[in-house]
Amino acid sequence: REYRSGTVVRVDTDNGSVSIRHSDRDDIEIQSHVRAVSEERAQQVSLIAARDEDGVLSIRAQWPDDKRRNNEGCSFDILVPGAEGITIHTSNGRIEVVGLTGMADLHSSNGAIEVHHHAGSVTAHTSNGAITLADVSGAVDAQTRNGKLEVSGAGGEVKAGTSNGKIRVDLSASSPGPVLATTSNGSITLGIGPAFSGTLEMQTSNGALRAGEPAGATLISSSKNRLELGFGDGEQTSVLRTSNGSIELQSVAP
């Protein structure tokens, strides 16, 4: 299919995974994987890939009579030469985004979310599943109810929250933060570089606090369950909070 540079891509599906990756090809390749209650219904499913009036390329499956039956679903594997924004919504399925740019808005009810080498901000929300974000240059908002969160090489502000699972956030060496990481049950590890600035609050109800001796840090206050440190002249506040688990501060290499 014809593909324009700088296209915003939107993918909507139910009961299916979505993978969208950068490729060196000049056009877009879309592979759909349909699960239907019968061969006849599977043959009647249409792949819709059309631009709306705003130029957004919308991709979805159209079911017979516009009615998807229980246990039916459609997954997508997509290769694009580039995208200036991605929106993916699936009710049940894994989401993967690799090597793209722009704002990424990713939502799944049940499924893991992975993003790698993304030039832009990422919003990744799922109810049940792990979230892994690596080398994201912009801001990060990652939320899940049940699953671990791993963010590495983050270049901007990070918000990471889960009800049950551990959290690890490693900022890029040039990122000043801030970071807001909260979990009810799980440990939290934060890696910071020399550019990190502002106030850092670490708090746990049941667990250890380990900060070592980070370069440039000033002790503001300390108790059994709470530690507050200052970095540079920044006025922003970073918060690491868990109910059950340890919290550790580490340094990342420049």
C-alpha atoms as a PDB file:
ATOM      1  CA  ARG A   1       0.000   0.000   0.000  1.00  0.00           C
ATOM      2  CA  GLU A   2       1.066   3.608  -0.605  1.00  0.00           C
ATOM      3  CA  TYR A   3       2.596   5.136   2.486  1.00  0.00           C
ATOM      4  CA  ARG A   4       3.327   8.777   3.276  1.00  0.00           C
ATOM      5  CA  SER A   5       6.221   9.831   5.448  1.00  0.00           C
ATOM      6  CA  GLY A   6       5.171  11.350   8.752  1.00  0.00           C
ATOM      7  CA  THR A   7       1.977   9.302   8.942  1.00  0.00           C
ATOM      8  CA  VAL A   8       0.163   8.809  12.246  1.00  0.00           C
ATOM      9  CA  VAL A   9      -0.977   5.188  12.614  1.00  0.00           C
ATOM     10  CA  ARG A  10      -3.954   3.969  14.636  1.00  0.00           C
ATOM     11  CA  VAL A  11      -4.711   0.277  15.216  1.00  0.00           C
ATOM     12  CA  ASP A  12      -7.897  -0.988  16.896  1.00  0.00           C
ATOM     13  CA  THR A  13      -8.639  -4.644  17.551  1.00  0.00           C
ATOM     14  CA  ASP A  14     -10.364  -6.981  19.999  1.00  0.00           C
ATOM     15  CA  ASN A  15      -8.871 -10.204  21.328  1.00  0.00           C
ATOM     16  CA  GLY A  16      -5.608  -9.887  19.463  1.00  0.00           C
ATOM     17  CA  SER A  17      -2.015  -8.736  19.681  1.00  0.00           C
ATOM     18  CA  VAL A  18      -0.485  -5.857  17.742  1.00  0.00           C
ATOM     19  CA  SER A  19       3.135  -5.576  16.615  1.00  0.00           C
ATOM     20  CA  ILE A  20       4.315  -2.522  14.664  1.00  0.00           C
ATOM     21  CA  ARG A  21       7.949  -2.182  13.664  1.00  0.00           C
ATOM     22  CA  HIS A  22      10.145   0.096  11.599  1.00  0.00           C
ATOM     23  CA  SER A  23      11.421  -1.355   8.329  1.00  0.00           C
ATOM     24  CA  ASP A  24      13.545  -0.142   5.400  1.00  0.00           C
ATOM     25  CA  ARG A  25      10.795  -0.767   2.877  1.00  0.00           C
ATOM     26  CA  ASP A  26       9.020   2.120   1.099  1.00  0.00           C
ATOM     27  CA  ASP A  27       5.500   0.892   1.689  1.00  0.00           C
ATOM     28  CA  ILE A  28       3.507  -0.513   4.595  1.00  0.00           C
ATOM     29  CA  GLU A  29       2.994  -4.241   5.088  1.00  0.00           C
ATOM     30  CA  ILE A  30       0.041  -5.424   7.173  1.00  0.00           C
ATOM     31  CA  GLN A  31      -0.467  -9.051   8.109  1.00  0.00           C
ATOM     32  CA  SER A  32      -3.691  -9.951   9.892  1.00  0.00           C
ATOM     33  CA  HIS A  33      -4.275 -13.191  11.782  1.00  0.00           C
ATOM     34  CA  VAL A  34      -7.969 -13.933  12.189  1.00  0.00           C
ATOM     35  CA  ARG A  35      -9.540 -16.366  14.633  1.00  0.00           C
ATOM     36  CA  ALA A  36     -13.198 -17.091  13.918  1.00  0.00           C
ATOM     37  CA  VAL A  37     -15.800 -19.640  14.955  1.00  0.00           C
ATOM     38  CA  SER A  38     -15.974 -20.982  11.399  1.00  0.00           C
ATOM     39  CA  GLU A  39     -14.004 -20.948   8.171  1.00  0.00           C
ATOM     40  CA  GLU A  40     -16.887 -19.179   6.486  1.00  0.00           C
ATOM     41  CA  ARG A  41     -16.816 -16.299   8.942  1.00  0.00           C
ATOM     42  CA  ALA A  42     -13.042 -16.049   8.733  1.00  0.00           C
ATOM     43  CA  GLN A  43     -13.286 -15.626   4.957  1.00  0.00           C
ATOM     44  CA  GLN A  44     -15.809 -12.825   5.405  1.00  0.00           C
ATOM     45  CA  VAL A  45     -13.566 -10.693   7.621  1.00  0.00           C
ATOM     46  CA  SER A  46     -12.211  -7.604   5.829  1.00  0.00           C
ATOM     47  CA  LEU A  47      -9.019  -5.702   6.605  1.00  0.00           C
ATOM     48  CA  ILE A  48      -9.690  -1.960   6.686  1.00  0.00           C
ATOM     49  CA  ALA A  49      -6.715   0.383   6.216  1.00  0.00           C
ATOM     50  CA  ALA A  50      -7.933   3.888   5.403  1.00  0.00           C
ATOM     51  CA  ARG A  51      -7.010   7.492   6.110  1.00  0.00           C
ATOM     52  CA  ASP A  52      -9.426   9.724   7.941  1.00  0.00           C
ATOM     53  CA  GLU A  53      -9.916  13.412   7.212  1.00  0.00           C
ATOM     54  CA  ASP A  54      -6.977  14.263   9.485  1.00  0.00           C
ATOM     55  CA  GLY A  55      -4.649  11.977   7.519  1.00  0.00           C
ATOM     56  CA  VAL A  56      -4.426   9.329  10.256  1.00  0.00           C
ATOM     57  CA  LEU A  57      -4.000   5.821   8.858  1.00  0.00           C
ATOM     58  CA  SER A  58      -6.582   3.683  10.688  1.00  0.00           C
ATOM     59  CA  ILE A  59      -6.214  -0.106  10.677  1.00  0.00           C
ATOM     60  CA  ARG A  60      -8.879  -2.510  11.897  1.00  0.00           C
ATOM     61  CA  ALA A  61     -10.759  -5.708  11.088  1.00  0.00           C
ATOM     62  CA  GLN A  62     -14.366  -5.520   9.927  1.00  0.00           C
ATOM     63  CA  TRP A  63     -16.414  -8.528  10.987  1.00  0.00           C
ATOM     64  CA  PRO A  64     -19.443  -9.917   9.136  1.00  0.00           C
ATOM     65  CA  ASP A  65     -22.450  -7.703   9.925  1.00  0.00           C
ATOM     66  CA  ASP A  66     -20.027  -5.639  12.089  1.00  0.00           C
ATOM     67  CA  LYS A  67     -20.466  -8.174  14.893  1.00  0.00           C
ATOM     68  CA  ARG A  68     -17.553 -10.048  16.435  1.00  0.00           C
ATOM     69  CA  ARG A  69     -18.598 -13.192  18.275  1.00  0.00           C
ATOM     70  CA  ASN A  70     -17.165 -14.447  21.538  1.00  0.00           C
ATOM     71  CA  ASN A  71     -13.765 -16.133  21.184  1.00  0.00           C
ATOM     72  CA  GLU A  72     -13.181 -14.429  17.831  1.00  0.00           C
ATOM     73  CA  GLY A  73     -10.285 -12.045  17.390  1.00  0.00           C
ATOM     74  CA  CYS A  74      -7.722 -10.519  15.072  1.00  0.00           C
ATOM     75  CA  SER A  75      -4.005  -9.857  15.544  1.00  0.00           C
ATOM     76  CA  PHE A  76      -1.808  -7.583  13.434  1.00  0.00           C
ATOM     77  CA  ASP A  77       1.876  -7.625  12.423  1.00  0.00           C
ATOM     78  CA  ILE A  78       2.756  -4.327  10.753  1.00  0.00           C
ATOM     79  CA  LEU A  79       5.952  -3.063   9.104  1.00  0.00           C
ATOM     80  CA  VAL A  80       6.249   0.655   8.316  1.00  0.00           C
ATOM     81  CA  PRO A  81       9.042   2.891   7.009  1.00  0.00           C
ATOM     82  CA  GLY A  82       8.270   5.295   9.843  1.00  0.00           C
ATOM     83  CA  ALA A  83       5.476   6.856  11.849  1.00  0.00           C
ATOM     84  CA  GLU A  84       5.012  10.237  13.520  1.00  0.00           C
ATOM     85  CA  GLY A  85       2.691   8.883  16.175  1.00  0.00           C
ATOM     86  CA  ILE A  86       1.078   5.558  17.084  1.00  0.00           C
ATOM     87  CA  THR A  87      -2.215   4.763  18.787  1.00  0.00           C
ATOM     88  CA  ILE A  88      -3.009   1.128  19.600  1.00  0.00           C
ATOM     89  CA  HIS A  89      -6.068  -0.158  21.448  1.00  0.00           C
ATOM     90  CA  THR A  90      -6.748  -3.844  22.058  1.00  0.00           C
ATOM     91  CA  SER A  91      -9.043  -5.452  24.608  1.00  0.00           C
ATOM     92  CA  ASN A  92      -6.990  -8.617  25.047  1.00  0.00           C
ATOM     93  CA  GLY A  93      -3.533  -8.914  23.588  1.00  0.00           C
ATOM     94  CA  ARG A  94       0.131  -8.017  23.639  1.00  0.00           C
ATOM     95  CA  ILE A  95       1.430  -4.749  22.135  1.00  0.00           C
ATOM     96  CA  GLU A  96       4.898  -4.286  20.641  1.00  0.00           C
ATOM     97  CA  VAL A  97       6.346  -1.077  19.131  1.00  0.00           C
ATOM     98  CA  VAL A  98       9.914  -0.964  17.790  1.00  0.00           C
ATOM     99  CA  GLY A  99      11.959   1.815  16.195  1.00  0.00           C
ATOM    100  CA  LEU A 100       9.297   4.478  15.648  1.00  0.00           C
ATOM    101  CA  THR A 101       8.803   8.151  16.507  1.00  0.00           C
ATOM    102  CA  GLY A 102       6.202  10.565  17.848  1.00  0.00           C
ATOM    103  CA  MET A 103       3.643  10.153  20.604  1.00  0.00           C
ATOM    104  CA  ALA A 104       2.768   6.512  21.345  1.00  0.00           C
ATOM    105  CA  ASP A 105      -0.597   5.894  23.052  1.00  0.00           C
ATOM    106  CA  LEU A 106      -0.870   2.183  23.883  1.00  0.00           C
ATOM    107  CA  HIS A 107      -3.751   0.510  25.723  1.00  0.00           C
ATOM    108  CA  SER A 108      -4.549  -3.157  26.415  1.00  0.00           C
ATOM    109  CA  SER A 109      -6.975  -4.666  28.913  1.00  0.00           C
ATOM    110  CA  ASN A 110      -4.997  -7.879  29.289  1.00  0.00           C
ATOM    111  CA  GLY A 111      -1.548  -8.196  27.795  1.00  0.00           C
ATOM    112  CA  ALA A 112       2.074  -7.165  28.048  1.00  0.00           C
ATOM    113  CA  ILE A 113       3.368  -3.985  26.408  1.00  0.00           C
ATOM    114  CA  GLU A 114       6.879  -3.587  24.981  1.00  0.00           C
ATOM    115  CA  VAL A 115       8.447  -0.515  23.373  1.00  0.00           C
ATOM    116  CA  HIS A 116      12.034  -0.353  22.110  1.00  0.00           C
ATOM    117  CA  HIS A 117      14.088   2.491  20.561  1.00  0.00           C
ATOM    118  CA  HIS A 118      11.314   5.070  20.457  1.00  0.00           C
ATOM    119  CA  ALA A 119      11.948   8.742  19.655  1.00  0.00           C
ATOM    120  CA  GLY A 120       9.067  10.383  21.476  1.00  0.00           C
ATOM    121  CA  SER A 121       6.822  10.051  24.504  1.00  0.00           C
ATOM    122  CA  VAL A 122       5.019   6.843  25.494  1.00  0.00           C
ATOM    123  CA  THR A 123       1.772   6.206  27.351  1.00  0.00           C
ATOM    124  CA  ALA A 124       1.407   2.488  28.077  1.00  0.00           C
ATOM    125  CA  HIS A 125      -1.568   1.230  30.104  1.00  0.00           C
ATOM    126  CA  THR A 126      -2.690  -2.351  30.680  1.00  0.00           C
ATOM    127  CA  SER A 127      -4.750  -4.003  33.393  1.00  0.00           C
ATOM    128  CA  ASN A 128      -2.896  -7.304  33.558  1.00  0.00           C
ATOM    129  CA  GLY A 129       0.574  -7.629  32.097  1.00  0.00           C
ATOM    130  CA  ALA A 130       4.179  -6.518  32.343  1.00  0.00           C
ATOM    131  CA  ILE A 131       5.403  -3.309  30.713  1.00  0.00           C
ATOM    132  CA  THR A 132       8.911  -3.012  29.252  1.00  0.00           C
ATOM    133  CA  LEU A 133      10.094   0.289  27.774  1.00  0.00           C
ATOM    134  CA  ALA A 134      13.675   0.648  26.528  1.00  0.00           C
ATOM    135  CA  ASP A 135      15.403   3.701  25.029  1.00  0.00           C
ATOM    136  CA  VAL A 136      12.432   6.086  25.045  1.00  0.00           C
ATOM    137  CA  SER A 137      13.594   9.642  24.459  1.00  0.00           C
ATOM    138  CA  GLY A 138      10.474  11.414  25.739  1.00  0.00           C
ATOM    139  CA  ALA A 139       8.214  11.279  28.765  1.00  0.00           C
ATOM    140  CA  VAL A 140       6.882   7.931  30.007  1.00  0.00           C
ATOM    141  CA  ASP A 141       3.526   7.100  31.619  1.00  0.00           C
ATOM    142  CA  ALA A 142       3.379   3.351  32.346  1.00  0.00           C
ATOM    143  CA  GLN A 143       0.539   1.860  34.390  1.00  0.00           C
ATOM    144  CA  THR A 144      -0.536  -1.725  35.086  1.00  0.00           C
ATOM    145  CA  ARG A 145      -2.480  -3.372  37.878  1.00  0.00           C
ATOM    146  CA  ASN A 146      -0.748  -6.731  37.895  1.00  0.00           C
ATOM    147  CA  GLY A 147       2.726  -6.978  36.437  1.00  0.00           C
ATOM    148  CA  LYS A 148       6.260  -5.676  36.700  1.00  0.00           C
ATOM    149  CA  LEU A 149       7.453  -2.438  35.115  1.00  0.00           C
ATOM    150  CA  GLU A 150      10.887  -1.997  33.535  1.00  0.00           C
ATOM    151  CA  VAL A 151      11.950   1.338  32.041  1.00  0.00           C
ATOM    152  CA  SER A 152      15.521   1.774  30.774  1.00  0.00           C
ATOM    153  CA  GLY A 153      17.304   4.612  29.020  1.00  0.00           C
ATOM    154  CA  ALA A 154      14.433   7.025  29.724  1.00  0.00           C
ATOM    155  CA  GLY A 155      15.179  10.547  28.535  1.00  0.00           C
ATOM    156  CA  GLY A 156      12.297  12.425  30.160  1.00  0.00           C
ATOM    157  CA  GLU A 157       9.850  12.409  33.032  1.00  0.00           C
ATOM    158  CA  VAL A 158       8.764   8.930  34.184  1.00  0.00           C
ATOM    159  CA  LYS A 159       5.500   7.917  35.846  1.00  0.00           C
ATOM    160  CA  ALA A 160       5.340   4.197  36.654  1.00  0.00           C
ATOM    161  CA  GLY A 161       2.648   2.507  38.726  1.00  0.00           C
ATOM    162  CA  THR A 162       1.515  -1.035  39.457  1.00  0.00           C
ATOM    163  CA  SER A 163      -0.533  -2.684  42.186  1.00  0.00           C
ATOM    164  CA  ASN A 164       1.345  -5.969  42.250  1.00  0.00           C
ATOM    165  CA  GLY A 165       4.832  -6.091  40.810  1.00  0.00           C
ATOM    166  CA  LYS A 166       8.328  -4.686  41.050  1.00  0.00           C
ATOM    167  CA  ILE A 167       9.456  -1.506  39.318  1.00  0.00           C
ATOM    168  CA  ARG A 168      12.843  -0.687  37.833  1.00  0.00           C
ATOM    169  CA  VAL A 169      13.546   2.679  36.219  1.00  0.00           C
ATOM    170  CA  ASP A 170      16.939   3.580  34.720  1.00  0.00           C
ATOM    171  CA  LEU A 171      17.151   7.148  33.453  1.00  0.00           C
ATOM    172  CA  SER A 172      19.532   8.123  30.692  1.00  0.00           C
ATOM    173  CA  ALA A 173      22.695   9.822  31.927  1.00  0.00           C
ATOM    174  CA  SER A 174      21.436  13.169  30.618  1.00  0.00           C
ATOM    175  CA  SER A 175      17.937  12.985  32.156  1.00  0.00           C
ATOM    176  CA  PRO A 176      17.121  15.267  35.126  1.00  0.00           C
ATOM    177  CA  GLY A 177      13.906  13.335  35.873  1.00  0.00           C
ATOM    178  CA  PRO A 178      11.583  13.578  37.708  1.00  0.00           C
ATOM    179  CA  VAL A 179      10.380  10.054  38.512  1.00  0.00           C
ATOM    180  CA  LEU A 180       7.153   8.969  40.211  1.00  0.00           C
ATOM    181  CA  ALA A 181       7.140   5.226  40.904  1.00  0.00           C
ATOM    182  CA  THR A 182       4.526   3.546  43.108  1.00  0.00           C
ATOM    183  CA  THR A 183       3.607  -0.060  43.811  1.00  0.00           C
ATOM    184  CA  SER A 184       1.616  -1.791  46.525  1.00  0.00           C
ATOM    185  CA  ASN A 185       3.545  -5.048  46.544  1.00  0.00           C
ATOM    186  CA  GLY A 186       7.039  -5.067  45.080  1.00  0.00           C
ATOM    187  CA  SER A 187      10.477  -3.527  45.192  1.00  0.00           C
ATOM    188  CA  ILE A 188      11.549  -0.327  43.425  1.00  0.00           C
ATOM    189  CA  THR A 189      14.969   0.349  41.899  1.00  0.00           C
ATOM    190  CA  LEU A 190      15.910   3.720  40.405  1.00  0.00           C
ATOM    191  CA  GLY A 191      19.058   4.359  38.404  1.00  0.00           C
ATOM    192  CA  ILE A 192      20.086   7.995  37.969  1.00  0.00           C
ATOM    193  CA  GLY A 193      22.852   9.805  36.106  1.00  0.00           C
ATOM    194  CA  PRO A 194      24.814  13.001  36.823  1.00  0.00           C
ATOM    195  CA  ALA A 195      22.053  15.209  35.354  1.00  0.00           C
ATOM    196  CA  PHE A 196      19.416  14.098  37.866  1.00  0.00           C
ATOM    197  CA  SER A 197      18.181  17.024  39.952  1.00  0.00           C
ATOM    198  CA  GLY A 198      15.616  18.062  42.540  1.00  0.00           C
ATOM    199  CA  THR A 199      14.322  16.321  45.643  1.00  0.00           C
ATOM    200  CA  LEU A 200      14.018  12.532  45.890  1.00  0.00           C
ATOM    201  CA  GLU A 201      11.639  10.970  48.429  1.00  0.00           C
ATOM    202  CA  MET A 202      11.917   7.230  49.143  1.00  0.00           C
ATOM    203  CA  GLN A 203       9.236   5.639  51.322  1.00  0.00           C
ATOM    204  CA  THR A 204       8.264   2.065  52.232  1.00  0.00           C
ATOM    205  CA  SER A 205       5.993   0.580  54.883  1.00  0.00           C
ATOM    206  CA  ASN A 206       7.761  -2.791  55.003  1.00  0.00           C
ATOM    207  CA  GLY A 207      11.227  -3.022  53.500  1.00  0.00           C
ATOM    208  CA  ALA A 208      14.732  -1.616  53.379  1.00  0.00           C
ATOM    209  CA  LEU A 209      15.911   1.715  51.951  1.00  0.00           C
ATOM    210  CA  ARG A 210      19.284   1.607  50.184  1.00  0.00           C
ATOM    211  CA  ALA A 211      20.782   4.726  48.631  1.00  0.00           C
ATOM    212  CA  GLY A 212      24.538   4.176  48.897  1.00  0.00           C
ATOM    213  CA  GLU A 213      26.436   7.442  48.401  1.00  0.00           C
ATOM    214  CA  PRO A 214      25.184   8.966  45.149  1.00  0.00           C
ATOM    215  CA  ALA A 215      27.417  11.725  43.779  1.00  0.00           C
ATOM    216  CA  GLY A 216      26.171  15.219  44.489  1.00  0.00           C
ATOM    217  CA  ALA A 217      23.429  14.110  46.897  1.00  0.00           C
ATOM    218  CA  THR A 218      22.537  16.055  50.041  1.00  0.00           C
ATOM    219  CA  LEU A 219      20.750  14.352  52.936  1.00  0.00           C
ATOM    220  CA  ILE A 220      17.560  16.234  53.825  1.00  0.00           C
ATOM    221  CA  SER A 221      15.930  13.790  56.247  1.00  0.00           C
ATOM    222  CA  SER A 222      16.142  10.140  57.228  1.00  0.00           C
ATOM    223  CA  SER A 223      14.099   7.650  59.246  1.00  0.00           C
ATOM    224  CA  LYS A 224      13.447   3.914  59.277  1.00  0.00           C
ATOM    225  CA  ASN A 225      10.847   4.033  56.518  1.00  0.00           C
ATOM    226  CA  ARG A 226      11.594   7.304  54.761  1.00  0.00           C
ATOM    227  CA  LEU A 227      14.612   8.928  53.137  1.00  0.00           C
ATOM    228  CA  GLU A 228      14.778  12.322  51.446  1.00  0.00           C
ATOM    229  CA  LEU A 229      17.733  13.467  49.341  1.00  0.00           C
ATOM    230  CA  GLY A 230      18.500  16.634  47.388  1.00  0.00           C
ATOM    231  CA  PHE A 231      20.302  16.837  44.041  1.00  0.00           C
ATOM    232  CA  GLY A 232      21.575  20.073  42.522  1.00  0.00           C
ATOM    233  CA  ASP A 233      19.430  23.183  42.297  1.00  0.00           C
ATOM    234  CA  GLY A 234      16.357  21.566  40.746  1.00  0.00           C
ATOM    235  CA  GLU A 235      12.950  22.301  42.284  1.00  0.00           C
ATOM    236  CA  GLN A 236      11.124  19.202  41.006  1.00  0.00           C
ATOM    237  CA  THR A 237      10.258  16.294  43.294  1.00  0.00           C
ATOM    238  CA  SER A 238      10.719  12.591  42.544  1.00  0.00           C
ATOM    239  CA  VAL A 239       8.859  10.006  44.652  1.00  0.00           C
ATOM    240  CA  LEU A 240       9.485   6.276  45.102  1.00  0.00           C
ATOM    241  CA  ARG A 241       6.809   4.613  47.224  1.00  0.00           C
ATOM    242  CA  THR A 242       5.890   1.006  48.021  1.00  0.00           C
ATOM    243  CA  SER A 243       3.825  -0.640  50.749  1.00  0.00           C
ATOM    244  CA  ASN A 244       5.677  -3.948  50.792  1.00  0.00           C
ATOM    245  CA  GLY A 245       9.170  -4.044  49.329  1.00  0.00           C
ATOM    246  CA  SER A 246      12.616  -2.498  49.380  1.00  0.00           C
ATOM    247  CA  ILE A 247      13.717   0.647  47.549  1.00  0.00           C
ATOM    248  CA  GLU A 248      17.195   1.075  46.090  1.00  0.00           C
ATOM    249  CA  LEU A 249      18.931   4.025  44.429  1.00  0.00           C
ATOM    250  CA  GLN A 250      21.730   3.294  41.961  1.00  0.00           C
ATOM    251  CA  SER A 251      23.959   5.234  39.587  1.00  0.00           C
ATOM    252  CA  VAL A 252      23.911   4.681  35.821  1.00  0.00           C
ATOM    253  CA  ALA A 253      27.061   5.030  33.757  1.00  0.00           C
ATOM    254  CA  PRO A 254      27.463   8.176  31.611  1.00  0.00           C
END
